[in-house]
Amino acid sequence: MNGVQLRMARAALGLTVREAAERCLVSHDTIVRIEKGETVKQTTLATIRGALEDAGVEFIPENGGGAGVRLRRIP
């Protein structure tokens, strides 16, 4: 997960930076740092990614068209 994907995930879920931080159990500053492209611990990224995946976000890896996100389909 990179900063652009984090912004995309927040947009897909309709979350502000503060709401995303609360949902992911990290600080507001951590979300801002990641979105600016700064380095954070891998465990922090994993925590954020897990929380966003639990909320319905799927992270799409780089596949020639660029990394991205989408919302999981609900059957």
C-alpha atoms as a PDB file:
ATOM      1  CA  MET A   1       0.000   0.000   0.000  1.00  0.00           C
ATOM      2  CA  ASN A   2       1.321   3.430  -0.904  1.00  0.00           C
ATOM      3  CA  GLY A   3       0.163   6.958  -0.152  1.00  0.00           C
ATOM      4  CA  VAL A   4      -1.907   7.277  -3.313  1.00  0.00           C
ATOM      5  CA  GLN A   5      -3.678   4.016  -2.580  1.00  0.00           C
ATOM      6  CA  LEU A   6      -4.407   5.204   0.953  1.00  0.00           C
ATOM      7  CA  ARG A   7      -5.987   8.413  -0.378  1.00  0.00           C
ATOM      8  CA  MET A   8      -7.993   6.374  -2.886  1.00  0.00           C
ATOM      9  CA  ALA A   9      -9.172   3.998  -0.168  1.00  0.00           C
ATOM     10  CA  ARG A  10     -10.259   6.887   2.032  1.00  0.00           C
ATOM     11  CA  ALA A  11     -12.164   8.429  -0.879  1.00  0.00           C
ATOM     12  CA  ALA A  12     -13.866   5.129  -1.717  1.00  0.00           C
ATOM     13  CA  LEU A  13     -15.028   4.792   1.880  1.00  0.00           C
ATOM     14  CA  GLY A  14     -15.863   8.493   2.247  1.00  0.00           C
ATOM     15  CA  LEU A  15     -13.476   8.949   5.171  1.00  0.00           C
ATOM     16  CA  THR A  16     -11.656  12.084   6.236  1.00  0.00           C
ATOM     17  CA  VAL A  17      -8.059  11.780   7.403  1.00  0.00           C
ATOM     18  CA  ARG A  18      -9.226  11.943  10.998  1.00  0.00           C
ATOM     19  CA  GLU A  19     -11.932   9.291  10.472  1.00  0.00           C
ATOM     20  CA  ALA A  20      -9.445   6.985   8.743  1.00  0.00           C
ATOM     21  CA  ALA A  21      -6.989   7.421  11.597  1.00  0.00           C
ATOM     22  CA  GLU A  22      -9.669   6.516  14.144  1.00  0.00           C
ATOM     23  CA  ARG A  23     -10.794   3.477  12.136  1.00  0.00           C
ATOM     24  CA  CYS A  24      -7.187   2.289  11.696  1.00  0.00           C
ATOM     25  CA  LEU A  25      -6.166   3.036  15.303  1.00  0.00           C
ATOM     26  CA  VAL A  26      -3.285   5.297  14.288  1.00  0.00           C
ATOM     27  CA  SER A  27      -2.676   9.023  14.612  1.00  0.00           C
ATOM     28  CA  HIS A  28      -3.885  11.646  12.163  1.00  0.00           C
ATOM     29  CA  ASP A  29      -0.240  12.534  11.530  1.00  0.00           C
ATOM     30  CA  THR A  30       0.546   8.946  10.514  1.00  0.00           C
ATOM     31  CA  ILE A  31      -2.120   9.004   7.782  1.00  0.00           C
ATOM     32  CA  VAL A  32      -0.840  12.383   6.567  1.00  0.00           C
ATOM     33  CA  ARG A  33       2.782  11.156   6.516  1.00  0.00           C
ATOM     34  CA  ILE A  34       1.901   8.083   4.469  1.00  0.00           C
ATOM     35  CA  GLU A  35      -0.151  10.104   2.003  1.00  0.00           C
ATOM     36  CA  LYS A  36       2.797  12.498   1.585  1.00  0.00           C
ATOM     37  CA  GLY A  37       5.008   9.532   0.690  1.00  0.00           C
ATOM     38  CA  GLU A  38       7.013   9.451   3.898  1.00  0.00           C
ATOM     39  CA  THR A  39       8.289   6.183   5.330  1.00  0.00           C
ATOM     40  CA  VAL A  40       6.547   4.490   8.253  1.00  0.00           C
ATOM     41  CA  LYS A  41       7.005   1.086   9.883  1.00  0.00           C
ATOM     42  CA  GLN A  42       5.787  -1.910   7.905  1.00  0.00           C
ATOM     43  CA  THR A  43       3.730  -3.003  10.909  1.00  0.00           C
ATOM     44  CA  THR A  44       1.917   0.339  10.833  1.00  0.00           C
ATOM     45  CA  LEU A  45       1.172  -0.061   7.115  1.00  0.00           C
ATOM     46  CA  ALA A  46      -0.101  -3.584   7.753  1.00  0.00           C
ATOM     47  CA  THR A  47      -2.395  -2.348  10.533  1.00  0.00           C
ATOM     48  CA  ILE A  48      -3.858   0.380   8.317  1.00  0.00           C
ATOM     49  CA  ARG A  49      -4.235  -1.914   5.331  1.00  0.00           C
ATOM     50  CA  GLY A  50      -5.974  -4.559   7.450  1.00  0.00           C
ATOM     51  CA  ALA A  51      -8.463  -2.066   8.838  1.00  0.00           C
ATOM     52  CA  LEU A  52      -9.272  -0.724   5.378  1.00  0.00           C
ATOM     53  CA  GLU A  53      -9.633  -4.234   3.960  1.00  0.00           C
ATOM     54  CA  ASP A  54     -12.009  -5.066   6.822  1.00  0.00           C
ATOM     55  CA  ALA A  55     -14.033  -2.007   5.750  1.00  0.00           C
ATOM     56  CA  GLY A  56     -14.348  -3.410   2.217  1.00  0.00           C
ATOM     57  CA  VAL A  57     -11.352  -2.043   0.301  1.00  0.00           C
ATOM     58  CA  GLU A  58      -9.348  -4.286  -2.026  1.00  0.00           C
ATOM     59  CA  PHE A  59      -5.824  -3.171  -2.871  1.00  0.00           C
ATOM     60  CA  ILE A  60      -4.805  -3.781  -6.478  1.00  0.00           C
ATOM     61  CA  PRO A  61      -1.078  -4.309  -7.081  1.00  0.00           C
ATOM     62  CA  GLU A  62       0.909  -2.667  -9.863  1.00  0.00           C
ATOM     63  CA  ASN A  63      -0.046  -4.570 -13.001  1.00  0.00           C
ATOM     64  CA  GLY A  64       1.086  -2.293 -15.791  1.00  0.00           C
ATOM     65  CA  GLY A  65      -1.872   0.027 -15.315  1.00  0.00           C
ATOM     66  CA  GLY A  66      -0.833   1.324 -11.924  1.00  0.00           C
ATOM     67  CA  ALA A  67      -1.588   0.295  -8.384  1.00  0.00           C
ATOM     68  CA  GLY A  68      -5.077   1.089  -7.156  1.00  0.00           C
ATOM     69  CA  VAL A  69      -8.019   0.167  -4.955  1.00  0.00           C
ATOM     70  CA  ARG A  70     -11.608  -0.908  -5.373  1.00  0.00           C
ATOM     71  CA  LEU A  71     -14.477  -1.740  -3.105  1.00  0.00           C
ATOM     72  CA  ARG A  72     -15.204  -5.405  -2.596  1.00  0.00           C
ATOM     73  CA  ARG A  73     -18.397  -6.675  -4.192  1.00  0.00           C
ATOM     74  CA  ILE A  74     -21.054  -7.719  -1.787  1.00  0.00           C
ATOM     75  CA  PRO A  75     -22.857 -10.833  -3.033  1.00  0.00           C
END
